Amino acid sequence: MCTAVSAQGIVIQLFMIFPRVKFLPQMMRGSLPESVGVAHPLGWMTGEKFVVFLEHFIHNSKPSIERPALLLMDNHISHVIIELLELMKKSHIIPLTFPPHTSHKLQLLDCSCYSPFKAYYNAACNTCMTKNLGKSISIYDIAESVGTAFPHALTLTNTTPGFRGTRIWPCDQHVF
């Protein structure tokens, strides 16, 4: 999954990549409104999939010349292809990638939101299994469990401290 948050605590709805050759709309059953799903045989983020995420980000954040968006992200190869950089420039998005081997200090979602998300997601999966005794969780149950966990984990009380904890905002140039 992929998402984005602002320093004010605004959260972009989920972008989910399912480990399948072909995406089927029923994979998003029970997901949060405005979430987007795609498929990749291995469930990986690629440049092509990141373009779809970026379009989702643009649609939800509505950057403009007057209000450009600063997009902080890791230095994954899928984030730095020419097509993406051109789309970002045209859409008033300023990309800033983290230097290698710094994401443990700078990835604010890793530092503040994903741990609570995992706990809420596990609880949602346990509830799903309890309701459906004897059945395994399938690819068609994931979006609902994620949709249950996501709003509990990506809250103002988790996202804004993430910016402070990583010292991204307010900015602290001496984070290392």
C-alpha atoms as a PDB file:
ATOM      1  CA  MET A   1       0.000   0.000   0.000  1.00  0.00           C
ATOM      2  CA  CYS A   2       1.014   3.576  -0.548  1.00  0.00           C
ATOM      3  CA  THR A   3      -0.351   6.798   0.891  1.00  0.00           C
ATOM      4  CA  ALA A   4       0.708  10.342   1.669  1.00  0.00           C
ATOM      5  CA  VAL A   5       0.065  12.683   4.602  1.00  0.00           C
ATOM      6  CA  SER A   6       0.579  16.382   5.145  1.00  0.00           C
ATOM      7  CA  ALA A   7       2.097  18.156   8.131  1.00  0.00           C
ATOM      8  CA  GLN A   8      -1.455  19.330   8.964  1.00  0.00           C
ATOM      9  CA  GLY A   9      -2.581  15.691   9.185  1.00  0.00           C
ATOM     10  CA  ILE A  10      -4.442  15.458   5.858  1.00  0.00           C
ATOM     11  CA  VAL A  11      -4.277  11.880   4.585  1.00  0.00           C
ATOM     12  CA  ILE A  12      -4.494  10.790   0.943  1.00  0.00           C
ATOM     13  CA  GLN A  13      -6.650   7.686   0.669  1.00  0.00           C
ATOM     14  CA  LEU A  14      -5.004   4.362   0.044  1.00  0.00           C
ATOM     15  CA  PHE A  15      -3.347   3.143  -3.077  1.00  0.00           C
ATOM     16  CA  MET A  16      -3.103  -0.652  -2.934  1.00  0.00           C
ATOM     17  CA  ILE A  17      -0.984  -2.945  -5.103  1.00  0.00           C
ATOM     18  CA  PHE A  18      -2.238  -6.518  -5.183  1.00  0.00           C
ATOM     19  CA  PRO A  19       0.095  -9.412  -6.036  1.00  0.00           C
ATOM     20  CA  ARG A  20      -1.837 -10.512  -9.116  1.00  0.00           C
ATOM     21  CA  VAL A  21      -1.339 -10.367 -12.878  1.00  0.00           C
ATOM     22  CA  LYS A  22      -4.742  -8.748 -13.426  1.00  0.00           C
ATOM     23  CA  PHE A  23      -6.579  -6.341 -11.144  1.00  0.00           C
ATOM     24  CA  LEU A  24     -10.194  -7.226 -10.391  1.00  0.00           C
ATOM     25  CA  PRO A  25     -12.505  -4.561  -8.906  1.00  0.00           C
ATOM     26  CA  GLN A  26     -13.761  -7.023  -6.262  1.00  0.00           C
ATOM     27  CA  MET A  27     -10.269  -6.905  -4.707  1.00  0.00           C
ATOM     28  CA  MET A  28     -11.271  -3.462  -3.377  1.00  0.00           C
ATOM     29  CA  ARG A  29     -14.463  -4.766  -1.716  1.00  0.00           C
ATOM     30  CA  GLY A  30     -14.941  -3.002   1.614  1.00  0.00           C
ATOM     31  CA  SER A  31     -12.170  -0.472   0.974  1.00  0.00           C
ATOM     32  CA  LEU A  32     -12.365   3.142   2.013  1.00  0.00           C
ATOM     33  CA  PRO A  33     -14.051   5.530  -0.444  1.00  0.00           C
ATOM     34  CA  GLU A  34     -11.680   6.994  -3.038  1.00  0.00           C
ATOM     35  CA  SER A  35      -9.072   4.295  -2.479  1.00  0.00           C
ATOM     36  CA  VAL A  36      -7.410   2.967  -5.623  1.00  0.00           C
ATOM     37  CA  GLY A  37      -6.200  -0.529  -6.422  1.00  0.00           C
ATOM     38  CA  VAL A  38      -3.873  -1.929  -9.082  1.00  0.00           C
ATOM     39  CA  ALA A  39      -2.136  -5.258  -9.664  1.00  0.00           C
ATOM     40  CA  HIS A  40       1.460  -6.312 -10.225  1.00  0.00           C
ATOM     41  CA  PRO A  41       2.495  -9.974 -10.465  1.00  0.00           C
ATOM     42  CA  LEU A  42       4.742  -9.623  -7.410  1.00  0.00           C
ATOM     43  CA  GLY A  43       2.855  -6.809  -5.657  1.00  0.00           C
ATOM     44  CA  TRP A  44       5.719  -4.373  -6.277  1.00  0.00           C
ATOM     45  CA  MET A  45       5.732  -0.643  -6.851  1.00  0.00           C
ATOM     46  CA  THR A  46       6.989   0.150 -10.337  1.00  0.00           C
ATOM     47  CA  GLY A  47       7.365   3.396 -12.248  1.00  0.00           C
ATOM     48  CA  GLU A  48       4.138   2.617 -14.108  1.00  0.00           C
ATOM     49  CA  LYS A  49       2.244   1.973 -10.851  1.00  0.00           C
ATOM     50  CA  PHE A  50       3.756   5.073  -9.250  1.00  0.00           C
ATOM     51  CA  VAL A  51       2.368   7.174 -12.133  1.00  0.00           C
ATOM     52  CA  VAL A  52      -1.090   5.871 -11.174  1.00  0.00           C
ATOM     53  CA  PHE A  53      -0.408   6.727  -7.517  1.00  0.00           C
ATOM     54  CA  LEU A  54       0.817  10.185  -8.502  1.00  0.00           C
ATOM     55  CA  GLU A  55      -2.392  10.807 -10.483  1.00  0.00           C
ATOM     56  CA  HIS A  56      -4.328   9.717  -7.363  1.00  0.00           C
ATOM     57  CA  PHE A  57      -2.200  12.098  -5.266  1.00  0.00           C
ATOM     58  CA  ILE A  58      -2.785  14.988  -7.683  1.00  0.00           C
ATOM     59  CA  HIS A  59      -6.534  14.351  -7.743  1.00  0.00           C
ATOM     60  CA  ASN A  60      -6.714  14.430  -3.940  1.00  0.00           C
ATOM     61  CA  SER A  61      -4.161  17.106  -3.048  1.00  0.00           C
ATOM     62  CA  LYS A  62      -4.903  19.484  -5.948  1.00  0.00           C
ATOM     63  CA  PRO A  63      -1.494  21.196  -6.107  1.00  0.00           C
ATOM     64  CA  SER A  64      -1.341  24.470  -8.043  1.00  0.00           C
ATOM     65  CA  ILE A  65       1.072  27.252  -8.901  1.00  0.00           C
ATOM     66  CA  GLU A  66      -0.140  29.121  -5.804  1.00  0.00           C
ATOM     67  CA  ARG A  67      -0.054  25.993  -3.595  1.00  0.00           C
ATOM     68  CA  PRO A  68       2.587  23.570  -4.866  1.00  0.00           C
ATOM     69  CA  ALA A  69       2.989  20.247  -3.086  1.00  0.00           C
ATOM     70  CA  LEU A  70       6.285  19.036  -1.680  1.00  0.00           C
ATOM     71  CA  LEU A  71       6.363  15.251  -2.048  1.00  0.00           C
ATOM     72  CA  LEU A  72       8.891  13.557   0.241  1.00  0.00           C
ATOM     73  CA  MET A  73       9.719   9.982  -0.680  1.00  0.00           C
ATOM     74  CA  ASP A  74      12.410   7.355  -0.525  1.00  0.00           C
ATOM     75  CA  ASN A  75      14.883   6.987  -3.354  1.00  0.00           C
ATOM     76  CA  HIS A  76      13.248   3.902  -4.893  1.00  0.00           C
ATOM     77  CA  ILE A  77      13.935   3.569  -8.609  1.00  0.00           C
ATOM     78  CA  SER A  78      10.186   3.671  -9.359  1.00  0.00           C
ATOM     79  CA  HIS A  79      10.020   7.253  -8.048  1.00  0.00           C
ATOM     80  CA  VAL A  80      12.638   8.833 -10.269  1.00  0.00           C
ATOM     81  CA  ILE A  81      11.729   8.125 -13.894  1.00  0.00           C
ATOM     82  CA  ILE A  82      11.477  10.917 -16.470  1.00  0.00           C
ATOM     83  CA  GLU A  83       7.717  10.499 -17.068  1.00  0.00           C
ATOM     84  CA  LEU A  84       7.084  10.986 -13.347  1.00  0.00           C
ATOM     85  CA  LEU A  85       9.351  13.989 -13.032  1.00  0.00           C
ATOM     86  CA  GLU A  86       7.623  15.632 -16.012  1.00  0.00           C
ATOM     87  CA  LEU A  87       4.178  14.902 -14.517  1.00  0.00           C
ATOM     88  CA  MET A  88       5.299  16.338 -11.179  1.00  0.00           C
ATOM     89  CA  LYS A  89       6.638  19.498 -12.815  1.00  0.00           C
ATOM     90  CA  LYS A  90       3.467  19.984 -14.864  1.00  0.00           C
ATOM     91  CA  SER A  91       1.316  19.368 -11.751  1.00  0.00           C
ATOM     92  CA  HIS A  92       3.232  21.711  -9.421  1.00  0.00           C
ATOM     93  CA  ILE A  93       4.719  18.949  -7.294  1.00  0.00           C
ATOM     94  CA  ILE A  94       8.222  19.375  -5.945  1.00  0.00           C
ATOM     95  CA  PRO A  95       9.796  15.941  -5.432  1.00  0.00           C
ATOM     96  CA  LEU A  96      12.358  15.471  -2.685  1.00  0.00           C
ATOM     97  CA  THR A  97      13.894  12.044  -2.246  1.00  0.00           C
ATOM     98  CA  PHE A  98      15.689  10.962   0.881  1.00  0.00           C
ATOM     99  CA  PRO A  99      19.394  10.162   0.664  1.00  0.00           C
ATOM    100  CA  PRO A 100      20.215   6.433   0.706  1.00  0.00           C
ATOM    101  CA  HIS A 101      20.245   4.757   4.137  1.00  0.00           C
ATOM    102  CA  THR A 102      18.298   7.552   5.848  1.00  0.00           C
ATOM    103  CA  SER A 103      14.714   6.329   5.603  1.00  0.00           C
ATOM    104  CA  HIS A 104      14.855   4.891   9.147  1.00  0.00           C
ATOM    105  CA  LYS A 105      15.190   8.506  10.337  1.00  0.00           C
ATOM    106  CA  LEU A 106      13.149  10.342   7.697  1.00  0.00           C
ATOM    107  CA  GLN A 107      10.236   8.091   6.649  1.00  0.00           C
ATOM    108  CA  LEU A 108       7.634   9.614   8.921  1.00  0.00           C
ATOM    109  CA  LEU A 109       4.994   6.967   8.178  1.00  0.00           C
ATOM    110  CA  ASP A 110       7.475   4.255   9.169  1.00  0.00           C
ATOM    111  CA  CYS A 111       8.296   6.187  12.330  1.00  0.00           C
ATOM    112  CA  SER A 112       4.771   7.039  13.465  1.00  0.00           C
ATOM    113  CA  CYS A 113       1.926   5.314  11.620  1.00  0.00           C
ATOM    114  CA  TYR A 114       2.811   1.887  10.302  1.00  0.00           C
ATOM    115  CA  SER A 115       3.352   0.248  13.679  1.00  0.00           C
ATOM    116  CA  PRO A 116      -0.159   1.194  14.909  1.00  0.00           C
ATOM    117  CA  PHE A 117      -1.491   0.279  11.444  1.00  0.00           C
ATOM    118  CA  LYS A 118      -0.062  -3.239  11.732  1.00  0.00           C
ATOM    119  CA  ALA A 119      -1.718  -3.689  15.140  1.00  0.00           C
ATOM    120  CA  TYR A 120      -5.110  -2.465  13.863  1.00  0.00           C
ATOM    121  CA  TYR A 121      -4.773  -4.526  10.684  1.00  0.00           C
ATOM    122  CA  ASN A 122      -4.003  -7.693  12.675  1.00  0.00           C
ATOM    123  CA  ALA A 123      -7.067  -7.011  14.867  1.00  0.00           C
ATOM    124  CA  ALA A 124      -9.234  -6.521  11.749  1.00  0.00           C
ATOM    125  CA  CYS A 125      -7.916  -9.801  10.281  1.00  0.00           C
ATOM    126  CA  ASN A 126      -8.676 -11.584  13.571  1.00  0.00           C
ATOM    127  CA  THR A 127     -12.226 -10.211  13.463  1.00  0.00           C
ATOM    128  CA  CYS A 128     -12.588 -11.350   9.845  1.00  0.00           C
ATOM    129  CA  MET A 129     -11.407 -14.869  10.736  1.00  0.00           C
ATOM    130  CA  THR A 130     -13.707 -14.985  13.772  1.00  0.00           C
ATOM    131  CA  LYS A 131     -16.707 -14.014  11.620  1.00  0.00           C
ATOM    132  CA  ASN A 132     -15.782 -16.603   8.987  1.00  0.00           C
ATOM    133  CA  LEU A 133     -14.661 -19.610  11.034  1.00  0.00           C
ATOM    134  CA  GLY A 134     -12.914 -22.246   8.993  1.00  0.00           C
ATOM    135  CA  LYS A 135     -12.206 -19.927   6.044  1.00  0.00           C
ATOM    136  CA  SER A 136      -8.889 -18.412   5.092  1.00  0.00           C
ATOM    137  CA  ILE A 137      -8.523 -14.716   4.436  1.00  0.00           C
ATOM    138  CA  SER A 138      -8.488 -14.246   0.681  1.00  0.00           C
ATOM    139  CA  ILE A 139      -7.223 -11.478  -1.572  1.00  0.00           C
ATOM    140  CA  TYR A 140     -10.840 -10.208  -1.581  1.00  0.00           C
ATOM    141  CA  ASP A 141     -10.830  -9.637   2.204  1.00  0.00           C
ATOM    142  CA  ILE A 142      -7.662  -7.568   2.423  1.00  0.00           C
ATOM    143  CA  ALA A 143      -9.078  -4.183   1.358  1.00  0.00           C
ATOM    144  CA  GLU A 144     -11.809  -4.376   3.988  1.00  0.00           C
ATOM    145  CA  SER A 145      -9.353  -5.190   6.771  1.00  0.00           C
ATOM    146  CA  VAL A 146      -7.019  -2.440   5.566  1.00  0.00           C
ATOM    147  CA  GLY A 147     -10.013  -0.079   5.336  1.00  0.00           C
ATOM    148  CA  THR A 148     -10.888  -0.859   8.951  1.00  0.00           C
ATOM    149  CA  ALA A 149      -7.329  -0.348  10.223  1.00  0.00           C
ATOM    150  CA  PHE A 150      -6.229   2.640   8.145  1.00  0.00           C
ATOM    151  CA  PRO A 151      -8.405   5.398   9.708  1.00  0.00           C
ATOM    152  CA  HIS A 152      -7.447   4.266  13.223  1.00  0.00           C
ATOM    153  CA  ALA A 153      -3.710   4.371  12.507  1.00  0.00           C
ATOM    154  CA  LEU A 154      -3.367   7.411  10.270  1.00  0.00           C
ATOM    155  CA  THR A 155      -4.827   9.950  12.645  1.00  0.00           C
ATOM    156  CA  LEU A 156      -3.792  13.465  13.516  1.00  0.00           C
ATOM    157  CA  THR A 157      -2.304  12.123  16.764  1.00  0.00           C
ATOM    158  CA  ASN A 158      -0.003   9.829  14.733  1.00  0.00           C
ATOM    159  CA  THR A 159       0.767  11.814  11.579  1.00  0.00           C
ATOM    160  CA  THR A 160       1.716  15.208  12.988  1.00  0.00           C
ATOM    161  CA  PRO A 161       4.058  13.742  15.646  1.00  0.00           C
ATOM    162  CA  GLY A 162       5.661  11.813  12.778  1.00  0.00           C
ATOM    163  CA  PHE A 163       6.700  15.096  11.194  1.00  0.00           C
ATOM    164  CA  ARG A 164       8.066  16.326  14.530  1.00  0.00           C
ATOM    165  CA  GLY A 165       9.721  13.000  15.389  1.00  0.00           C
ATOM    166  CA  THR A 166      11.556  12.820  12.082  1.00  0.00           C
ATOM    167  CA  ARG A 167      12.296  16.545  12.436  1.00  0.00           C
ATOM    168  CA  ILE A 168      10.933  17.214   8.963  1.00  0.00           C
ATOM    169  CA  TRP A 169       8.505  19.835  10.316  1.00  0.00           C
ATOM    170  CA  PRO A 170       9.435  22.005  11.991  1.00  0.00           C
ATOM    171  CA  CYS A 171      12.610  21.538   9.990  1.00  0.00           C
ATOM    172  CA  ASP A 172      15.750  20.520  11.878  1.00  0.00           C
ATOM    173  CA  GLN A 173      18.809  20.440   9.672  1.00  0.00           C
ATOM    174  CA  HIS A 174      20.742  18.625  12.403  1.00  0.00           C
ATOM    175  CA  VAL A 175      18.571  15.488  12.390  1.00  0.00           C
ATOM    176  CA  PHE A 176      21.706  13.399  11.901  1.00  0.00           C
END
